[in-house]
Amino acid sequence: ATAYIGTPRRWLAPIGALDADGDGRAEFAYVETPHLGKTLTLVRLDANRLKKLAATPGLTVHRIGDSTIEGRIATCDGRPAVLTLNADWTRVMATTFAQGQLSSRDLGRYAGPGSLANLPGCN
């Protein structure tokens, strides 16, 4: 379980698992409160508890009323990455983890479902 995130009806949107730091262990990516907080969070299972490794605001994967989560795990330019959208749903973002910090870069315009597929440099 994650730490308590506030009030009833607050939720997180799971994205997936990846080896974000290359140590052979899985990290898990999710967006905490994708409609309000829009915070990408990376955690690892450590001694039967989820330990938060890093978080960065301004990224999301879900809009109210949508039936799907629009985010995924990818390899971009040879590095594990979390693909999300910026807070106003105009740009596709790739976020990587190094030296204890998340770093995001713009991959291009968001043009609706499917925008996270077939991105140059990502598979």
PDB file of N, CA and C in Angstrom:
ATOM      1  N   ALA A   1       0.836  -1.187   0.000  1.00  0.00           N
ATOM      2  CA  ALA A   1       0.000   0.000   0.000  1.00  0.00           C
ATOM      3  C   ALA A   1       0.874   1.242   0.000  1.00  0.00           C
ATOM      4  N   THR A   2       0.346   2.289  -0.558  1.00  0.00           N
ATOM      5  CA  THR A   2       1.040   3.576  -0.514  1.00  0.00           C
ATOM      6  C   THR A   2       0.643   4.305   0.763  1.00  0.00           C
ATOM      7  N   ALA A   3       1.305   5.404   1.004  1.00  0.00           N
ATOM      8  CA  ALA A   3       0.915   6.258   2.122  1.00  0.00           C
ATOM      9  C   ALA A   3      -0.476   6.830   1.830  1.00  0.00           C
ATOM     10  N   TYR A   4      -1.177   7.207   2.877  1.00  0.00           N
ATOM     11  CA  TYR A   4      -2.498   7.818   2.757  1.00  0.00           C
ATOM     12  C   TYR A   4      -2.396   9.076   1.893  1.00  0.00           C
ATOM     13  N   ILE A   5      -3.306   9.254   0.922  1.00  0.00           N
ATOM     14  CA  ILE A   5      -3.184  10.390   0.002  1.00  0.00           C
ATOM     15  C   ILE A   5      -4.233  11.481   0.211  1.00  0.00           C
ATOM     16  N   GLY A   6      -4.843  11.536   1.351  1.00  0.00           N
ATOM     17  CA  GLY A   6      -5.688  12.687   1.613  1.00  0.00           C
ATOM     18  C   GLY A   6      -7.071  12.399   2.112  1.00  0.00           C
ATOM     19  N   THR A   7      -8.030  12.402   1.219  1.00  0.00           N
ATOM     20  CA  THR A   7      -9.426  12.281   1.607  1.00  0.00           C
ATOM     21  C   THR A   7     -10.085  11.159   0.797  1.00  0.00           C
ATOM     22  N   PRO A   8     -11.297  10.773   1.173  1.00  0.00           N
ATOM     23  CA  PRO A   8     -11.991   9.764   0.379  1.00  0.00           C
ATOM     24  C   PRO A   8     -12.115  10.190  -1.085  1.00  0.00           C
ATOM     25  N   ARG A   9     -12.107   9.228  -1.957  1.00  0.00           N
ATOM     26  CA  ARG A   9     -12.227   9.407  -3.409  1.00  0.00           C
ATOM     27  C   ARG A   9     -10.984  10.011  -4.056  1.00  0.00           C
ATOM     28  N   ARG A  10      -9.883  10.032  -3.334  1.00  0.00           N
ATOM     29  CA  ARG A  10      -8.599  10.371  -3.941  1.00  0.00           C
ATOM     30  C   ARG A  10      -7.973   9.051  -4.353  1.00  0.00           C
ATOM     31  N   TRP A  11      -7.320   9.019  -5.488  1.00  0.00           N
ATOM     32  CA  TRP A  11      -6.789   7.755  -5.969  1.00  0.00           C
ATOM     33  C   TRP A  11      -5.505   7.995  -6.745  1.00  0.00           C
ATOM     34  N   LEU A  12      -4.860   6.901  -7.068  1.00  0.00           N
ATOM     35  CA  LEU A  12      -3.661   6.975  -7.882  1.00  0.00           C
ATOM     36  C   LEU A  12      -3.873   6.142  -9.139  1.00  0.00           C
ATOM     37  N   ALA A  13      -3.183   6.518 -10.201  1.00  0.00           N
ATOM     38  CA  ALA A  13      -3.301   5.834 -11.486  1.00  0.00           C
ATOM     39  C   ALA A  13      -2.006   5.071 -11.752  1.00  0.00           C
ATOM     40  N   PRO A  14      -2.044   3.740 -11.652  1.00  0.00           N
ATOM     41  CA  PRO A  14      -0.833   2.952 -11.899  1.00  0.00           C
ATOM     42  C   PRO A  14      -0.419   3.026 -13.366  1.00  0.00           C
ATOM     43  N   ILE A  15       0.888   3.071 -13.588  1.00  0.00           N
ATOM     44  CA  ILE A  15       1.415   3.091 -14.955  1.00  0.00           C
ATOM     45  C   ILE A  15       2.127   1.780 -15.263  1.00  0.00           C
ATOM     46  N   GLY A  16       3.033   1.353 -14.396  1.00  0.00           N
ATOM     47  CA  GLY A  16       3.727   0.095 -14.645  1.00  0.00           C
ATOM     48  C   GLY A  16       4.994  -0.037 -13.844  1.00  0.00           C
ATOM     49  N   ALA A  17       5.726  -1.108 -14.141  1.00  0.00           N
ATOM     50  CA  ALA A  17       6.979  -1.406 -13.448  1.00  0.00           C
ATOM     51  C   ALA A  17       8.132  -1.313 -14.433  1.00  0.00           C
ATOM     52  N   LEU A  18       9.285  -0.891 -13.928  1.00  0.00           N
ATOM     53  CA  LEU A  18      10.478  -0.765 -14.739  1.00  0.00           C
ATOM     54  C   LEU A  18      11.706  -0.825 -13.837  1.00  0.00           C
ATOM     55  N   ASP A  19      12.844  -1.091 -14.410  1.00  0.00           N
ATOM     56  CA  ASP A  19      14.098  -0.993 -13.666  1.00  0.00           C
ATOM     57  C   ASP A  19      14.652   0.388 -13.954  1.00  0.00           C
ATOM     58  N   ALA A  20      14.159   1.367 -13.243  1.00  0.00           N
ATOM     59  CA  ALA A  20      14.453   2.770 -13.525  1.00  0.00           C
ATOM     60  C   ALA A  20      15.905   3.148 -13.295  1.00  0.00           C
ATOM     61  N   ASP A  21      16.569   2.472 -12.360  1.00  0.00           N
ATOM     62  CA  ASP A  21      17.945   2.858 -12.030  1.00  0.00           C
ATOM     63  C   ASP A  21      18.987   1.826 -12.465  1.00  0.00           C
ATOM     64  N   GLY A  22      18.556   0.765 -13.155  1.00  0.00           N
ATOM     65  CA  GLY A  22      19.487  -0.209 -13.694  1.00  0.00           C
ATOM     66  C   GLY A  22      20.120  -1.149 -12.694  1.00  0.00           C
ATOM     67  N   ASP A  23      19.528  -1.273 -11.504  1.00  0.00           N
ATOM     68  CA  ASP A  23      20.117  -2.141 -10.481  1.00  0.00           C
ATOM     69  C   ASP A  23      19.533  -3.552 -10.485  1.00  0.00           C
ATOM     70  N   GLY A  24      18.656  -3.846 -11.438  1.00  0.00           N
ATOM     71  CA  GLY A  24      18.056  -5.170 -11.529  1.00  0.00           C
ATOM     72  C   GLY A  24      16.803  -5.357 -10.695  1.00  0.00           C
ATOM     73  N   ARG A  25      16.420  -4.352  -9.934  1.00  0.00           N
ATOM     74  CA  ARG A  25      15.197  -4.412  -9.118  1.00  0.00           C
ATOM     75  C   ARG A  25      14.108  -3.561  -9.768  1.00  0.00           C
ATOM     76  N   ALA A  26      12.870  -3.976  -9.567  1.00  0.00           N
ATOM     77  CA  ALA A  26      11.747  -3.259 -10.169  1.00  0.00           C
ATOM     78  C   ALA A  26      11.338  -2.051  -9.327  1.00  0.00           C
ATOM     79  N   GLU A  27      11.085  -0.967 -10.020  1.00  0.00           N
ATOM     80  CA  GLU A  27      10.439   0.199  -9.432  1.00  0.00           C
ATOM     81  C   GLU A  27       9.044   0.291 -10.059  1.00  0.00           C
ATOM     82  N   PHE A  28       8.140   0.952  -9.370  1.00  0.00           N
ATOM     83  CA  PHE A  28       6.757   1.071  -9.819  1.00  0.00           C
ATOM     84  C   PHE A  28       6.408   2.549  -9.978  1.00  0.00           C
ATOM     85  N   ALA A  29       5.787   2.870 -11.106  1.00  0.00           N
ATOM     86  CA  ALA A  29       5.424   4.250 -11.401  1.00  0.00           C
ATOM     87  C   ALA A  29       3.908   4.413 -11.359  1.00  0.00           C
ATOM     88  N   TYR A  30       3.472   5.515 -10.756  1.00  0.00           N
ATOM     89  CA  TYR A  30       2.051   5.857 -10.754  1.00  0.00           C
ATOM     90  C   TYR A  30       1.904   7.372 -10.656  1.00  0.00           C
ATOM     91  N   VAL A  31       0.732   7.848 -11.042  1.00  0.00           N
ATOM     92  CA  VAL A  31       0.420   9.262 -10.851  1.00  0.00           C
ATOM     93  C   VAL A  31      -0.544   9.362  -9.692  1.00  0.00           C
ATOM     94  N   GLU A  32      -0.110  10.067  -8.669  1.00  0.00           N
ATOM     95  CA  GLU A  32      -0.947  10.291  -7.491  1.00  0.00           C
ATOM     96  C   GLU A  32      -1.916  11.422  -7.788  1.00  0.00           C
ATOM     97  N   THR A  33      -3.184  11.190  -7.505  1.00  0.00           N
ATOM     98  CA  THR A  33      -4.278  12.120  -7.769  1.00  0.00           C
ATOM     99  C   THR A  33      -4.136  12.766  -9.162  1.00  0.00           C
ATOM    100  N   PRO A  34      -4.396  11.980 -10.217  1.00  0.00           N
ATOM    101  CA  PRO A  34      -4.153  12.437 -11.584  1.00  0.00           C
ATOM    102  C   PRO A  34      -4.991  13.625 -12.041  1.00  0.00           C
ATOM    103  N   HIS A  35      -6.073  13.941 -11.329  1.00  0.00           N
ATOM    104  CA  HIS A  35      -6.907  15.083 -11.729  1.00  0.00           C
ATOM    105  C   HIS A  35      -6.555  16.346 -10.960  1.00  0.00           C
ATOM    106  N   LEU A  36      -6.030  16.201  -9.774  1.00  0.00           N
ATOM    107  CA  LEU A  36      -5.740  17.361  -8.927  1.00  0.00           C
ATOM    108  C   LEU A  36      -4.241  17.569  -8.731  1.00  0.00           C
ATOM    109  N   GLY A  37      -3.584  16.606  -8.105  1.00  0.00           N
ATOM    110  CA  GLY A  37      -2.170  16.738  -7.771  1.00  0.00           C
ATOM    111  C   GLY A  37      -1.245  16.535  -8.949  1.00  0.00           C
ATOM    112  N   LYS A  38      -1.625  15.617  -9.850  1.00  0.00           N
ATOM    113  CA  LYS A  38      -0.860  15.344 -11.068  1.00  0.00           C
ATOM    114  C   LYS A  38       0.628  15.172 -10.760  1.00  0.00           C
ATOM    115  N   THR A  39       0.916  14.212  -9.862  1.00  0.00           N
ATOM    116  CA  THR A  39       2.293  13.992  -9.427  1.00  0.00           C
ATOM    117  C   THR A  39       2.741  12.582  -9.788  1.00  0.00           C
ATOM    118  N   LEU A  40       3.746  12.484 -10.678  1.00  0.00           N
ATOM    119  CA  LEU A  40       4.342  11.197 -11.008  1.00  0.00           C
ATOM    120  C   LEU A  40       5.206  10.766  -9.830  1.00  0.00           C
ATOM    121  N   THR A  41       4.990   9.539  -9.359  1.00  0.00           N
ATOM    122  CA  THR A  41       5.697   9.013  -8.197  1.00  0.00           C
ATOM    123  C   THR A  41       6.351   7.686  -8.573  1.00  0.00           C
ATOM    124  N   LEU A  42       7.571   7.494  -8.091  1.00  0.00           N
ATOM    125  CA  LEU A  42       8.310   6.257  -8.306  1.00  0.00           C
ATOM    126  C   LEU A  42       8.587   5.629  -6.953  1.00  0.00           C
ATOM    127  N   VAL A  43       8.207   4.353  -6.800  1.00  0.00           N
ATOM    128  CA  VAL A  43       8.395   3.641  -5.537  1.00  0.00           C
ATOM    129  C   VAL A  43       9.069   2.297  -5.804  1.00  0.00           C
ATOM    130  N   ARG A  44       9.595   1.718  -4.731  1.00  0.00           N
ATOM    131  CA  ARG A  44      10.205   0.383  -4.788  1.00  0.00           C
ATOM    132  C   ARG A  44       9.739  -0.398  -3.581  1.00  0.00           C
ATOM    133  N   LEU A  45       9.521  -1.699  -3.774  1.00  0.00           N
ATOM    134  CA  LEU A  45       9.188  -2.572  -2.659  1.00  0.00           C
ATOM    135  C   LEU A  45      10.466  -2.835  -1.865  1.00  0.00           C
ATOM    136  N   ASP A  46      10.451  -2.465  -0.594  1.00  0.00           N
ATOM    137  CA  ASP A  46      11.613  -2.596   0.277  1.00  0.00           C
ATOM    138  C   ASP A  46      11.148  -3.113   1.628  1.00  0.00           C
ATOM    139  N   ALA A  47      11.562  -4.331   1.968  1.00  0.00           N
ATOM    140  CA  ALA A  47      11.163  -4.954   3.239  1.00  0.00           C
ATOM    141  C   ALA A  47       9.638  -4.971   3.385  1.00  0.00           C
ATOM    142  N   ASN A  48       8.949  -5.400   2.336  1.00  0.00           N
ATOM    143  CA  ASN A  48       7.489  -5.530   2.327  1.00  0.00           C
ATOM    144  C   ASN A  48       6.740  -4.212   2.443  1.00  0.00           C
ATOM    145  N   ARG A  49       7.402  -3.094   2.159  1.00  0.00           N
ATOM    146  CA  ARG A  49       6.750  -1.781   2.148  1.00  0.00           C
ATOM    147  C   ARG A  49       7.159  -1.033   0.888  1.00  0.00           C
ATOM    148  N   LEU A  50       6.265  -0.191   0.400  1.00  0.00           N
ATOM    149  CA  LEU A  50       6.619   0.652  -0.731  1.00  0.00           C
ATOM    150  C   LEU A  50       7.379   1.872  -0.228  1.00  0.00           C
ATOM    151  N   LYS A  51       8.567   2.054  -0.749  1.00  0.00           N
ATOM    152  CA  LYS A  51       9.417   3.190  -0.368  1.00  0.00           C
ATOM    153  C   LYS A  51       9.425   4.184  -1.526  1.00  0.00           C
ATOM    154  N   LYS A  52       9.049   5.424  -1.250  1.00  0.00           N
ATOM    155  CA  LYS A  52       9.043   6.455  -2.287  1.00  0.00           C
ATOM    156  C   LYS A  52      10.480   6.836  -2.609  1.00  0.00           C
ATOM    157  N   LEU A  53      10.829   6.761  -3.892  1.00  0.00           N
ATOM    158  CA  LEU A  53      12.156   7.134  -4.344  1.00  0.00           C
ATOM    159  C   LEU A  53      12.208   8.560  -4.840  1.00  0.00           C
ATOM    160  N   ALA A  54      11.154   8.978  -5.542  1.00  0.00           N
ATOM    161  CA  ALA A  54      11.118  10.329  -6.101  1.00  0.00           C
ATOM    162  C   ALA A  54       9.709  10.647  -6.561  1.00  0.00           C
ATOM    163  N   ALA A  55       9.436  11.925  -6.702  1.00  0.00           N
ATOM    164  CA  ALA A  55       8.141  12.389  -7.216  1.00  0.00           C
ATOM    165  C   ALA A  55       8.356  13.719  -7.923  1.00  0.00           C
ATOM    166  N   THR A  56       7.544  13.962  -8.938  1.00  0.00           N
ATOM    167  CA  THR A  56       7.618  15.232  -9.655  1.00  0.00           C
ATOM    168  C   THR A  56       6.208  15.659 -10.074  1.00  0.00           C
ATOM    169  N   PRO A  57       5.863  16.921  -9.862  1.00  0.00           N
ATOM    170  CA  PRO A  57       4.517  17.397 -10.203  1.00  0.00           C
ATOM    171  C   PRO A  57       4.386  17.747 -11.683  1.00  0.00           C
ATOM    172  N   GLY A  58       3.146  17.955 -12.100  1.00  0.00           N
ATOM    173  CA  GLY A  58       2.872  18.455 -13.437  1.00  0.00           C
ATOM    174  C   GLY A  58       2.723  17.398 -14.511  1.00  0.00           C
ATOM    175  N   LEU A  59       2.535  16.125 -14.106  1.00  0.00           N
ATOM    176  CA  LEU A  59       2.379  15.039 -15.067  1.00  0.00           C
ATOM    177  C   LEU A  59       1.134  14.232 -14.721  1.00  0.00           C
ATOM    178  N   THR A  60       0.435  13.761 -15.747  1.00  0.00           N
ATOM    179  CA  THR A  60      -0.792  13.015 -15.508  1.00  0.00           C
ATOM    180  C   THR A  60      -0.999  11.946 -16.576  1.00  0.00           C
ATOM    181  N   VAL A  61      -1.983  11.092 -16.341  1.00  0.00           N
ATOM    182  CA  VAL A  61      -2.297  10.005 -17.276  1.00  0.00           C
ATOM    183  C   VAL A  61      -3.797   9.752 -17.398  1.00  0.00           C
ATOM    184  N   HIS A  62      -4.613  10.556 -16.723  1.00  0.00           N
ATOM    185  CA  HIS A  62      -6.048  10.285 -16.728  1.00  0.00           C
ATOM    186  C   HIS A  62      -6.841  11.574 -16.612  1.00  0.00           C
ATOM    187  N   ARG A  63      -7.959  11.620 -17.354  1.00  0.00           N
ATOM    188  CA  ARG A  63      -8.909  12.734 -17.262  1.00  0.00           C
ATOM    189  C   ARG A  63     -10.240  12.192 -16.763  1.00  0.00           C
ATOM    190  N   ILE A  64     -10.973  13.007 -16.052  1.00  0.00           N
ATOM    191  CA  ILE A  64     -12.283  12.610 -15.555  1.00  0.00           C
ATOM    192  C   ILE A  64     -13.151  12.194 -16.731  1.00  0.00           C
ATOM    193  N   GLY A  65     -13.766  11.012 -16.605  1.00  0.00           N
ATOM    194  CA  GLY A  65     -14.642  10.490 -17.641  1.00  0.00           C
ATOM    195  C   GLY A  65     -13.976   9.543 -18.613  1.00  0.00           C
ATOM    196  N   ASP A  66     -12.634   9.560 -18.690  1.00  0.00           N
ATOM    197  CA  ASP A  66     -11.939   8.646 -19.592  1.00  0.00           C
ATOM    198  C   ASP A  66     -11.987   7.226 -19.047  1.00  0.00           C
ATOM    199  N   SER A  67     -12.019   6.259 -19.926  1.00  0.00           N
ATOM    200  CA  SER A  67     -12.077   4.856 -19.495  1.00  0.00           C
ATOM    201  C   SER A  67     -10.698   4.202 -19.426  1.00  0.00           C
ATOM    202  N   THR A  68      -9.659   4.918 -19.816  1.00  0.00           N
ATOM    203  CA  THR A  68      -8.315   4.331 -19.819  1.00  0.00           C
ATOM    204  C   THR A  68      -7.298   5.260 -19.165  1.00  0.00           C
ATOM    205  N   ILE A  69      -6.169   4.648 -18.816  1.00  0.00           N
ATOM    206  CA  ILE A  69      -4.999   5.377 -18.330  1.00  0.00           C
ATOM    207  C   ILE A  69      -4.100   5.584 -19.543  1.00  0.00           C
ATOM    208  N   GLU A  70      -3.726   6.813 -19.832  1.00  0.00           N
ATOM    209  CA  GLU A  70      -2.857   7.097 -20.979  1.00  0.00           C
ATOM    210  C   GLU A  70      -1.432   7.330 -20.515  1.00  0.00           C
ATOM    211  N   GLY A  71      -0.771   6.265 -20.179  1.00  0.00           N
ATOM    212  CA  GLY A  71       0.633   6.305 -19.804  1.00  0.00           C
ATOM    213  C   GLY A  71       1.200   4.925 -20.010  1.00  0.00           C
ATOM    214  N   ARG A  72       2.518   4.832 -20.119  1.00  0.00           N
ATOM    215  CA  ARG A  72       3.127   3.523 -20.283  1.00  0.00           C
ATOM    216  C   ARG A  72       4.601   3.583 -19.950  1.00  0.00           C
ATOM    217  N   ILE A  73       5.180   2.405 -19.821  1.00  0.00           N
ATOM    218  CA  ILE A  73       6.610   2.258 -19.641  1.00  0.00           C
ATOM    219  C   ILE A  73       7.223   2.046 -21.013  1.00  0.00           C
ATOM    220  N   ALA A  74       8.375   2.636 -21.271  1.00  0.00           N
ATOM    221  CA  ALA A  74       9.042   2.499 -22.555  1.00  0.00           C
ATOM    222  C   ALA A  74      10.553   2.534 -22.347  1.00  0.00           C
ATOM    223  N   THR A  75      11.258   2.248 -23.407  1.00  0.00           N
ATOM    224  CA  THR A  75      12.691   2.504 -23.447  1.00  0.00           C
ATOM    225  C   THR A  75      12.882   3.624 -24.455  1.00  0.00           C
ATOM    226  N   CYS A  76      13.430   4.739 -24.002  1.00  0.00           N
ATOM    227  CA  CYS A  76      13.645   5.897 -24.864  1.00  0.00           C
ATOM    228  C   CYS A  76      15.138   6.216 -24.891  1.00  0.00           C
ATOM    229  N   ASP A  77      15.693   6.195 -26.079  1.00  0.00           N
ATOM    230  CA  ASP A  77      17.126   6.436 -26.246  1.00  0.00           C
ATOM    231  C   ASP A  77      17.957   5.526 -25.347  1.00  0.00           C
ATOM    232  N   GLY A  78      17.512   4.267 -25.238  1.00  0.00           N
ATOM    233  CA  GLY A  78      18.245   3.264 -24.487  1.00  0.00           C
ATOM    234  C   GLY A  78      18.056   3.284 -22.987  1.00  0.00           C
ATOM    235  N   ARG A  79      17.200   4.162 -22.483  1.00  0.00           N
ATOM    236  CA  ARG A  79      16.971   4.264 -21.038  1.00  0.00           C
ATOM    237  C   ARG A  79      15.521   3.958 -20.704  1.00  0.00           C
ATOM    238  N   PRO A  80      15.270   3.296 -19.551  1.00  0.00           N
ATOM    239  CA  PRO A  80      13.887   3.079 -19.123  1.00  0.00           C
ATOM    240  C   PRO A  80      13.215   4.421 -18.841  1.00  0.00           C
ATOM    241  N   ALA A  81      11.986   4.559 -19.302  1.00  0.00           N
ATOM    242  CA  ALA A  81      11.273   5.826 -19.142  1.00  0.00           C
ATOM    243  C   ALA A  81       9.803   5.583 -18.850  1.00  0.00           C
ATOM    244  N   VAL A  82       9.198   6.546 -18.177  1.00  0.00           N
ATOM    245  CA  VAL A  82       7.761   6.557 -17.917  1.00  0.00           C
ATOM    246  C   VAL A  82       7.163   7.609 -18.845  1.00  0.00           C
ATOM    247  N   LEU A  83       6.228   7.188 -19.690  1.00  0.00           N
ATOM    248  CA  LEU A  83       5.568   8.119 -20.599  1.00  0.00           C
ATOM    249  C   LEU A  83       4.254   8.581 -19.994  1.00  0.00           C
ATOM    250  N   THR A  84       4.080   9.890 -19.941  1.00  0.00           N
ATOM    251  CA  THR A  84       2.882  10.517 -19.394  1.00  0.00           C
ATOM    252  C   THR A  84       2.531  11.715 -20.269  1.00  0.00           C
ATOM    253  N   LEU A  85       1.608  12.510 -19.775  1.00  0.00           N
ATOM    254  CA  LEU A  85       1.241  13.769 -20.433  1.00  0.00           C
ATOM    255  C   LEU A  85       1.492  14.907 -19.468  1.00  0.00           C
ATOM    256  N   ASN A  86       1.745  16.097 -20.023  1.00  0.00           N
ATOM    257  CA  ASN A  86       1.886  17.239 -19.124  1.00  0.00           C
ATOM    258  C   ASN A  86       0.520  17.588 -18.530  1.00  0.00           C
ATOM    259  N   ALA A  87       0.512  18.464 -17.568  1.00  0.00           N
ATOM    260  CA  ALA A  87      -0.705  18.738 -16.789  1.00  0.00           C
ATOM    261  C   ALA A  87      -1.873  19.231 -17.632  1.00  0.00           C
ATOM    262  N   ASP A  88      -1.610  19.936 -18.729  1.00  0.00           N
ATOM    263  CA  ASP A  88      -2.734  20.452 -19.527  1.00  0.00           C
ATOM    264  C   ASP A  88      -2.999  19.621 -20.790  1.00  0.00           C
ATOM    265  N   TRP A  89      -2.433  18.432 -20.850  1.00  0.00           N
ATOM    266  CA  TRP A  89      -2.710  17.474 -21.922  1.00  0.00           C
ATOM    267  C   TRP A  89      -2.329  18.005 -23.307  1.00  0.00           C
ATOM    268  N   THR A  90      -1.249  18.759 -23.402  1.00  0.00           N
ATOM    269  CA  THR A  90      -0.812  19.257 -24.703  1.00  0.00           C
ATOM    270  C   THR A  90       0.477  18.597 -25.176  1.00  0.00           C
ATOM    271  N   ARG A  91       1.252  17.990 -24.263  1.00  0.00           N
ATOM    272  CA  ARG A  91       2.558  17.434 -24.608  1.00  0.00           C
ATOM    273  C   ARG A  91       2.740  16.032 -24.041  1.00  0.00           C
ATOM    274  N   VAL A  92       3.421  15.180 -24.792  1.00  0.00           N
ATOM    275  CA  VAL A  92       3.811  13.854 -24.323  1.00  0.00           C
ATOM    276  C   VAL A  92       5.175  14.000 -23.659  1.00  0.00           C
ATOM    277  N   MET A  93       5.318  13.419 -22.471  1.00  0.00           N
ATOM    278  CA  MET A  93       6.538  13.572 -21.685  1.00  0.00           C
ATOM    279  C   MET A  93       7.174  12.206 -21.396  1.00  0.00           C
ATOM    280  N   ALA A  94       8.509  12.154 -21.422  1.00  0.00           N
ATOM    281  CA  ALA A  94       9.259  10.961 -21.024  1.00  0.00           C
ATOM    282  C   ALA A  94      10.041  11.327 -19.768  1.00  0.00           C
ATOM    283  N   THR A  95       9.858  10.539 -18.719  1.00  0.00           N
ATOM    284  CA  THR A  95      10.537  10.811 -17.447  1.00  0.00           C
ATOM    285  C   THR A  95      11.463   9.656 -17.109  1.00  0.00           C
ATOM    286  N   THR A  96      12.709   9.992 -16.782  1.00  0.00           N
ATOM    287  CA  THR A  96      13.706   9.009 -16.384  1.00  0.00           C
ATOM    288  C   THR A  96      14.165   9.299 -14.960  1.00  0.00           C
ATOM    289  N   PHE A  97      14.844   8.311 -14.378  1.00  0.00           N
ATOM    290  CA  PHE A  97      15.301   8.403 -12.986  1.00  0.00           C
ATOM    291  C   PHE A  97      16.810   8.190 -12.948  1.00  0.00           C
ATOM    292  N   ALA A  98      17.531   9.124 -12.335  1.00  0.00           N
ATOM    293  CA  ALA A  98      18.980   8.997 -12.164  1.00  0.00           C
ATOM    294  C   ALA A  98      19.402   9.810 -10.953  1.00  0.00           C
ATOM    295  N   GLN A  99      20.353   9.283 -10.210  1.00  0.00           N
ATOM    296  CA  GLN A  99      20.917   9.963  -9.044  1.00  0.00           C
ATOM    297  C   GLN A  99      19.834  10.465  -8.093  1.00  0.00           C
ATOM    298  N   GLY A 100      18.790   9.640  -7.919  1.00  0.00           N
ATOM    299  CA  GLY A 100      17.740   9.956  -6.968  1.00  0.00           C
ATOM    300  C   GLY A 100      16.724  10.985  -7.420  1.00  0.00           C
ATOM    301  N   GLN A 101      16.769  11.381  -8.692  1.00  0.00           N
ATOM    302  CA  GLN A 101      15.844  12.412  -9.167  1.00  0.00           C
ATOM    303  C   GLN A 101      15.164  11.991 -10.464  1.00  0.00           C
ATOM    304  N   LEU A 102      13.938  12.457 -10.636  1.00  0.00           N
ATOM    305  CA  LEU A 102      13.206  12.271 -11.876  1.00  0.00           C
ATOM    306  C   LEU A 102      13.478  13.457 -12.786  1.00  0.00           C
ATOM    307  N   SER A 103      13.636  13.181 -14.065  1.00  0.00           N
ATOM    308  CA  SER A 103      13.887  14.225 -15.051  1.00  0.00           C
ATOM    309  C   SER A 103      12.977  13.982 -16.251  1.00  0.00           C
ATOM    310  N   SER A 104      12.236  15.001 -16.654  1.00  0.00           N
ATOM    311  CA  SER A 104      11.268  14.858 -17.749  1.00  0.00           C
ATOM    312  C   SER A 104      11.708  15.649 -18.970  1.00  0.00           C
ATOM    313  N   ARG A 105      11.379  15.077 -20.141  1.00  0.00           N
ATOM    314  CA  ARG A 105      11.628  15.820 -21.381  1.00  0.00           C
ATOM    315  C   ARG A 105      10.428  15.682 -22.305  1.00  0.00           C
ATOM    316  N   ASP A 106      10.223  16.682 -23.087  1.00  0.00           N
ATOM    317  CA  ASP A 106       9.099  16.790 -24.008  1.00  0.00           C
ATOM    318  C   ASP A 106       9.381  15.942 -25.249  1.00  0.00           C
ATOM    319  N   LEU A 107       8.456  15.048 -25.589  1.00  0.00           N
ATOM    320  CA  LEU A 107       8.604  14.220 -26.780  1.00  0.00           C
ATOM    321  C   LEU A 107       7.762  14.697 -27.955  1.00  0.00           C
ATOM    322  N   GLY A 108       6.881  15.637 -27.716  1.00  0.00           N
ATOM    323  CA  GLY A 108       6.057  16.130 -28.814  1.00  0.00           C
ATOM    324  C   GLY A 108       4.628  16.403 -28.396  1.00  0.00           C
ATOM    325  N   ARG A 109       3.853  16.832 -29.364  1.00  0.00           N
ATOM    326  CA  ARG A 109       2.469  17.239 -29.139  1.00  0.00           C
ATOM    327  C   ARG A 109       1.575  16.045 -28.845  1.00  0.00           C
ATOM    328  N   TYR A 110       0.639  16.235 -27.905  1.00  0.00           N
ATOM    329  CA  TYR A 110      -0.394  15.243 -27.648  1.00  0.00           C
ATOM    330  C   TYR A 110      -1.549  15.530 -28.592  1.00  0.00           C
ATOM    331  N   ALA A 111      -1.935  14.501 -29.371  1.00  0.00           N
ATOM    332  CA  ALA A 111      -3.000  14.670 -30.358  1.00  0.00           C
ATOM    333  C   ALA A 111      -4.100  13.632 -30.174  1.00  0.00           C
ATOM    334  N   GLY A 112      -4.297  13.183 -28.922  1.00  0.00           N
ATOM    335  CA  GLY A 112      -5.340  12.215 -28.655  1.00  0.00           C
ATOM    336  C   GLY A 112      -4.795  10.824 -28.410  1.00  0.00           C
ATOM    337  N   PRO A 113      -5.695   9.882 -28.127  1.00  0.00           N
ATOM    338  CA  PRO A 113      -5.281   8.503 -27.879  1.00  0.00           C
ATOM    339  C   PRO A 113      -4.371   8.012 -29.006  1.00  0.00           C
ATOM    340  N   GLY A 114      -3.357   7.302 -28.634  1.00  0.00           N
ATOM    341  CA  GLY A 114      -2.395   6.823 -29.612  1.00  0.00           C
ATOM    342  C   GLY A 114      -1.149   7.680 -29.689  1.00  0.00           C
ATOM    343  N   SER A 115      -1.171   8.840 -29.044  1.00  0.00           N
ATOM    344  CA  SER A 115      -0.019   9.737 -29.093  1.00  0.00           C
ATOM    345  C   SER A 115       1.200   9.182 -28.367  1.00  0.00           C
ATOM    346  N   LEU A 116       0.996   8.195 -27.496  1.00  0.00           N
ATOM    347  CA  LEU A 116       2.116   7.610 -26.767  1.00  0.00           C
ATOM    348  C   LEU A 116       2.684   6.386 -27.483  1.00  0.00           C
ATOM    349  N   ALA A 117       2.184   6.084 -28.660  1.00  0.00           N
ATOM    350  CA  ALA A 117       2.685   4.966 -29.460  1.00  0.00           C
ATOM    351  C   ALA A 117       3.569   5.520 -30.586  1.00  0.00           C
ATOM    352  N   ASN A 118       4.507   4.724 -31.013  1.00  0.00           N
ATOM    353  CA  ASN A 118       5.357   5.072 -32.157  1.00  0.00           C
ATOM    354  C   ASN A 118       6.055   6.421 -32.019  1.00  0.00           C
ATOM    355  N   LEU A 119       6.623   6.664 -30.864  1.00  0.00           N
ATOM    356  CA  LEU A 119       7.363   7.902 -30.627  1.00  0.00           C
ATOM    357  C   LEU A 119       8.807   7.719 -31.072  1.00  0.00           C
ATOM    358  N   PRO A 120       9.375   8.692 -31.784  1.00  0.00           N
ATOM    359  CA  PRO A 120      10.767   8.575 -32.214  1.00  0.00           C
ATOM    360  C   PRO A 120      11.707   8.351 -31.013  1.00  0.00           C
ATOM    361  N   GLY A 121      12.543   7.344 -31.110  1.00  0.00           N
ATOM    362  CA  GLY A 121      13.511   7.051 -30.048  1.00  0.00           C
ATOM    363  C   GLY A 121      12.969   6.222 -28.909  1.00  0.00           C
ATOM    364  N   CYS A 122      11.670   5.890 -28.928  1.00  0.00           N
ATOM    365  CA  CYS A 122      11.057   5.121 -27.840  1.00  0.00           C
ATOM    366  C   CYS A 122      10.405   3.852 -28.399  1.00  0.00           C
ATOM    367  N   ASN A 123      10.489   2.792 -27.608  1.00  0.00           N
ATOM    368  CA  ASN A 123       9.768   1.580 -27.985  1.00  0.00           C
ATOM    369  C   ASN A 123       9.103   0.993 -26.751  1.00  0.00           C
TER     370      ASN A 123
END
